[in-house]
C-alpha atoms as a PDB file:
ATOM      1  CA  UNK A   1     191.541 -37.500 130.280  1.00  0.00           C
ATOM      2  CA  UNK A   2     187.364 -37.685 130.292  1.00  0.00           C
ATOM      3  CA  UNK A   3     185.764 -35.041 127.776  1.00  0.00           C
ATOM      4  CA  UNK A   4     184.532 -32.921 130.619  1.00  0.00           C
ATOM      5  CA  UNK A   5     188.090 -32.102 131.964  1.00  0.00           C
ATOM      6  CA  UNK A   6     189.379 -31.529 128.547  1.00  0.00           C
ATOM      7  CA  UNK A   7     186.702 -29.014 127.836  1.00  0.00           C
ATOM      8  CA  UNK A   8     187.325 -27.321 131.073  1.00  0.00           C
ATOM      9  CA  UNK A   9     190.841 -27.370 130.342  1.00  0.00           C
ATOM     10  CA  UNK A  10     190.516 -25.942 126.950  1.00  0.00           C
ATOM     11  CA  UNK A  11     188.172 -23.041 128.384  1.00  0.00           C
ATOM     12  CA  UNK A  12     190.591 -22.460 131.312  1.00  0.00           C
ATOM     13  CA  UNK A  13     193.678 -22.097 128.526  1.00  0.00           C
ATOM     14  CA  UNK A  14     191.668 -19.734 126.348  1.00  0.00           C
ATOM     15  CA  UNK A  15     191.025 -17.635 129.456  1.00  0.00           C
ATOM     16  CA  UNK A  16     194.582 -17.519 130.376  1.00  0.00           C
ATOM     17  CA  UNK A  17     195.563 -16.571 126.872  1.00  0.00           C
ATOM     18  CA  UNK A  18     192.846 -13.794 126.638  1.00  0.00           C
ATOM     19  CA  UNK A  19     193.830 -12.532 130.113  1.00  0.00           C
ATOM     20  CA  UNK A  20     197.751 -12.466 129.339  1.00  0.00           C
ATOM     21  CA  UNK A  21     197.404 -10.366 125.957  1.00  0.00           C
ATOM     22  CA  UNK A  22     194.831  -8.086 127.567  1.00  0.00           C
ATOM     23  CA  UNK A  23     197.275  -7.541 130.318  1.00  0.00           C
ATOM     24  CA  UNK A  24     200.054  -6.875 128.066  1.00  0.00           C
ATOM     25  CA  UNK A  25     198.418  -4.558 125.985  1.00  0.00           C
ATOM     26  CA  UNK A  26     196.731  -2.331 128.380  1.00  0.00           C
ATOM     27  CA  UNK A  27     199.399  -2.249 131.389  1.00  0.00           C
ATOM     28  CA  UNK A  28     202.516  -1.404 129.582  1.00  0.00           C
ATOM     29  CA  UNK A  29     204.094   1.584 127.871  1.00  0.00           C
ATOM     30  CA  UNK A  30     206.892   4.024 127.355  1.00  0.00           C
ATOM     31  CA  UNK A  31     207.478   7.232 128.915  1.00  0.00           C
ATOM     32  CA  UNK A  32     209.834   9.760 126.929  1.00  0.00           C
ATOM     33  CA  UNK A  33     211.352  12.832 127.652  1.00  0.00           C
ATOM     34  CA  UNK A  34     212.308  14.797 124.606  1.00  0.00           C
ATOM     35  CA  UNK A  35     214.251  18.132 124.126  1.00  0.00           C
ATOM     36  CA  UNK A  36     213.231  19.913 120.883  1.00  0.00           C
ATOM     37  CA  UNK A  37     215.108  22.972 119.345  1.00  0.00           C
ATOM     38  CA  UNK A  38     212.418  25.086 117.489  1.00  0.00           C
ATOM     39  CA  UNK A  39     214.906  28.184 117.253  1.00  0.00           C
ATOM     40  CA  UNK A  40     216.932  29.405 114.447  1.00  0.00           C
ATOM     41  CA  UNK A  41     220.310  28.925 116.256  1.00  0.00           C
ATOM     42  CA  UNK A  42     222.360  26.113 117.966  1.00  0.00           C
ATOM     43  CA  UNK A  43     221.797  25.214 121.450  1.00  0.00           C
ATOM     44  CA  UNK A  44     224.290  24.070 123.842  1.00  0.00           C
ATOM     45  CA  UNK A  45     222.942  20.948 126.076  1.00  0.00           C
ATOM     46  CA  UNK A  46     224.753  20.001 129.089  1.00  0.00           C
ATOM     47  CA  UNK A  47     223.327  16.784 131.167  1.00  0.00           C
ATOM     48  CA  UNK A  48     224.509  15.030 134.020  1.00  0.00           C
ATOM     49  CA  UNK A  49     225.129  12.052 134.214  1.00  0.00           C
ATOM     50  CA  UNK A  50     226.215  12.026 130.594  1.00  0.00           C
ATOM     51  CA  UNK A  51     223.641  10.669 127.862  1.00  0.00           C
ATOM     52  CA  UNK A  52     224.530   7.312 126.184  1.00  0.00           C
ATOM     53  CA  UNK A  53     225.711   7.411 122.258  1.00  0.00           C
ATOM     54  CA  UNK A  54     224.788   4.883 119.862  1.00  0.00           C
ATOM     55  CA  UNK A  55     226.387   3.865 116.762  1.00  0.00           C
ATOM     56  CA  UNK A  56     223.590   4.081 114.330  1.00  0.00           C
ATOM     57  CA  UNK A  57     225.408   1.924 111.715  1.00  0.00           C
ATOM     58  CA  UNK A  58     225.355  -1.265 113.781  1.00  0.00           C
ATOM     59  CA  UNK A  59     222.393  -3.467 114.506  1.00  0.00           C
ATOM     60  CA  UNK A  60     221.883  -3.803 118.197  1.00  0.00           C
ATOM     61  CA  UNK A  61     224.073  -0.726 119.132  1.00  0.00           C
ATOM     62  CA  UNK A  62     224.723  -0.604 123.007  1.00  0.00           C
ATOM     63  CA  UNK A  63     225.518   2.855 124.644  1.00  0.00           C
ATOM     64  CA  UNK A  64     229.388   3.312 124.705  1.00  0.00           C
ATOM     65  CA  UNK A  65     229.417   6.263 127.243  1.00  0.00           C
ATOM     66  CA  UNK A  66     226.916   5.300 129.957  1.00  0.00           C
ATOM     67  CA  UNK A  67     229.559   5.883 132.602  1.00  0.00           C
ATOM     68  CA  UNK A  68     230.454   9.545 131.740  1.00  0.00           C
ATOM     69  CA  UNK A  69     229.944  12.161 134.413  1.00  0.00           C
ATOM     70  CA  UNK A  70     228.489  14.610 131.976  1.00  0.00           C
ATOM     71  CA  UNK A  71     227.686  15.045 128.143  1.00  0.00           C
ATOM     72  CA  UNK A  72     227.735  18.495 126.242  1.00  0.00           C
ATOM     73  CA  UNK A  73     226.632  18.434 122.971  1.00  0.00           C
ATOM     74  CA  UNK A  74     225.095  21.166 120.226  1.00  0.00           C
ATOM     75  CA  UNK A  75     221.494  20.566 119.409  1.00  0.00           C
ATOM     76  CA  UNK A  76     221.139  22.096 115.812  1.00  0.00           C
ATOM     77  CA  UNK A  77     217.804  24.038 114.766  1.00  0.00           C
ATOM     78  CA  UNK A  78     214.802  22.017 114.115  1.00  0.00           C
ATOM     79  CA  UNK A  79     216.140  19.022 115.687  1.00  0.00           C
ATOM     80  CA  UNK A  80     215.352  16.882 118.886  1.00  0.00           C
ATOM     81  CA  UNK A  81     217.231  14.824 121.645  1.00  0.00           C
ATOM     82  CA  UNK A  82     215.696  12.297 123.858  1.00  0.00           C
ATOM     83  CA  UNK A  83     216.703  13.070 127.331  1.00  0.00           C
ATOM     84  CA  UNK A  84     215.134  10.083 128.938  1.00  0.00           C
ATOM     85  CA  UNK A  85     213.156   7.072 128.083  1.00  0.00           C
ATOM     86  CA  UNK A  86     211.811   4.199 130.282  1.00  0.00           C
ATOM     87  CA  UNK A  87     209.655   1.248 129.524  1.00  0.00           C
ATOM     88  CA  UNK A  88     207.142   0.812 132.108  1.00  0.00           C
ATOM     89  CA  UNK A  89     205.560  -2.407 133.484  1.00  0.00           C
ATOM     90  CA  UNK A  90     202.315  -0.859 134.932  1.00  0.00           C
ATOM     91  CA  UNK A  91     200.935   2.321 133.536  1.00  0.00           C
ATOM     92  CA  UNK A  92     197.559   2.815 135.072  1.00  0.00           C
ATOM     93  CA  UNK A  93     196.647   6.139 136.164  1.00  0.00           C
ATOM     94  CA  UNK A  94     200.210   7.458 136.891  1.00  0.00           C
ATOM     95  CA  UNK A  95     201.517   7.526 133.414  1.00  0.00           C
ATOM     96  CA  UNK A  96     202.936  11.051 133.514  1.00  0.00           C
ATOM     97  CA  UNK A  97     206.677  11.350 133.700  1.00  0.00           C
ATOM     98  CA  UNK A  98     208.042  11.571 137.188  1.00  0.00           C
ATOM     99  CA  UNK A  99     211.472  12.326 138.698  1.00  0.00           C
ATOM    100  CA  UNK A 100     211.941   8.487 139.129  1.00  0.00           C
ATOM    101  CA  UNK A 101     211.606   8.082 135.282  1.00  0.00           C
ATOM    102  CA  UNK A 102     214.636  10.516 134.616  1.00  0.00           C
ATOM    103  CA  UNK A 103     218.039   9.152 134.029  1.00  0.00           C
ATOM    104  CA  UNK A 104     219.541  12.465 134.250  1.00  0.00           C
ATOM    105  CA  UNK A 105     219.508  14.832 137.264  1.00  0.00           C
ATOM    106  CA  UNK A 106     220.947  18.375 135.662  1.00  0.00           C
ATOM    107  CA  UNK A 107     220.140  20.002 132.446  1.00  0.00           C
ATOM    108  CA  UNK A 108     221.714  23.092 131.194  1.00  0.00           C
ATOM    109  CA  UNK A 109     220.451  24.606 127.864  1.00  0.00           C
ATOM    110  CA  UNK A 110     222.491  27.629 126.352  1.00  0.00           C
ATOM    111  CA  UNK A 111     221.395  29.656 123.137  1.00  0.00           C
ATOM    112  CA  UNK A 112     222.412  32.874 122.079  1.00  0.00           C
ATOM    113  CA  UNK A 113     219.907  34.597 123.982  1.00  0.00           C
ATOM    114  CA  UNK A 114     219.247  32.678 127.114  1.00  0.00           C
ATOM    115  CA  UNK A 115     220.208  30.026 129.622  1.00  0.00           C
ATOM    116  CA  UNK A 116     217.952  27.398 131.162  1.00  0.00           C
ATOM    117  CA  UNK A 117     219.391  25.540 133.999  1.00  0.00           C
ATOM    118  CA  UNK A 118     217.608  22.890 136.018  1.00  0.00           C
ATOM    119  CA  UNK A 119     219.891  21.754 138.908  1.00  0.00           C
ATOM    120  CA  UNK A 120     217.842  18.878 140.022  1.00  0.00           C
ATOM    121  CA  UNK A 121     215.194  16.361 138.697  1.00  0.00           C
ATOM    122  CA  UNK A 122     212.408  18.292 140.255  1.00  0.00           C
ATOM    123  CA  UNK A 123     213.612  21.361 138.208  1.00  0.00           C
ATOM    124  CA  UNK A 124     213.686  19.289 135.056  1.00  0.00           C
ATOM    125  CA  UNK A 125     210.094  18.166 135.595  1.00  0.00           C
ATOM    126  CA  UNK A 126     208.953  21.731 136.095  1.00  0.00           C
ATOM    127  CA  UNK A 127     210.345  22.585 132.650  1.00  0.00           C
ATOM    128  CA  UNK A 128     207.363  20.609 131.099  1.00  0.00           C
ATOM    129  CA  UNK A 129     204.850  23.095 132.743  1.00  0.00           C
ATOM    130  CA  UNK A 130     207.121  26.062 132.762  1.00  0.00           C
ATOM    131  CA  UNK A 131     205.626  28.769 130.187  1.00  0.00           C
ATOM    132  CA  UNK A 132     208.903  29.478 128.300  1.00  0.00           C
ATOM    133  CA  UNK A 133     209.608  25.700 127.596  1.00  0.00           C
ATOM    134  CA  UNK A 134     206.341  24.104 127.775  1.00  0.00           C
ATOM    135  CA  UNK A 135     204.836  22.441 124.371  1.00  0.00           C
ATOM    136  CA  UNK A 136     201.852  24.435 123.382  1.00  0.00           C
ATOM    137  CA  UNK A 137     200.083  22.719 120.503  1.00  0.00           C
ATOM    138  CA  UNK A 138     198.033  25.620 119.573  1.00  0.00           C
ATOM    139  CA  UNK A 139     201.209  28.233 119.074  1.00  0.00           C
ATOM    140  CA  UNK A 140     203.965  25.604 118.372  1.00  0.00           C
ATOM    141  CA  UNK A 141     202.531  24.816 115.111  1.00  0.00           C
ATOM    142  CA  UNK A 142     205.978  24.774 112.999  1.00  0.00           C
ATOM    143  CA  UNK A 143     206.269  20.856 114.152  1.00  0.00           C
ATOM    144  CA  UNK A 144     203.798  18.322 114.955  1.00  0.00           C
ATOM    145  CA  UNK A 145     205.137  16.679 118.262  1.00  0.00           C
ATOM    146  CA  UNK A 146     203.606  13.647 120.128  1.00  0.00           C
ATOM    147  CA  UNK A 147     202.148  15.285 123.256  1.00  0.00           C
ATOM    148  CA  UNK A 148     200.409  13.365 125.999  1.00  0.00           C
ATOM    149  CA  UNK A 149     201.007  12.379 129.695  1.00  0.00           C
ATOM    150  CA  UNK A 150     203.577   9.867 128.891  1.00  0.00           C
ATOM    151  CA  UNK A 151     205.475  11.920 126.322  1.00  0.00           C
ATOM    152  CA  UNK A 152     207.157  14.941 127.679  1.00  0.00           C
ATOM    153  CA  UNK A 153     208.564  17.736 125.787  1.00  0.00           C
ATOM    154  CA  UNK A 154     210.820  20.607 126.541  1.00  0.00           C
ATOM    155  CA  UNK A 155     210.918  23.236 123.799  1.00  0.00           C
ATOM    156  CA  UNK A 156     213.628  25.845 123.010  1.00  0.00           C
ATOM    157  CA  UNK A 157     212.252  28.709 121.272  1.00  0.00           C
ATOM    158  CA  UNK A 158     215.043  31.238 121.455  1.00  0.00           C
END
């Protein structure tokens, strides 16, 4: 191979590597929807379909109930639950959580004083902006929570 072709091939290889690294670092990300219980009492949470359970004592644990029709669990005070998480290939301008990102299509939250029920994905997404369940950094100061377009938070306050 002549010297000129080697230099050209070298420059192309460097360009390709830089393009791939830049592309991977700027166009991928996570979208996460989390439910936080900031109240002083337990909350009973029901989802459909059921949420996967993991065995934290095993490395590489896989969900063991991904085929359950529904899940009901108790969310203790000052704790959280990931309702949905997805790895996206292209984030671009549409990074906020959408209905297509959700793995559940029903959510019911019961506390001692209230019941919040979202009967479909549209209603679940609306909880992110509803005044009773929306995370407000200026007033929800008891816990620092990651809050951005790709991290949705539903807050239980009562």
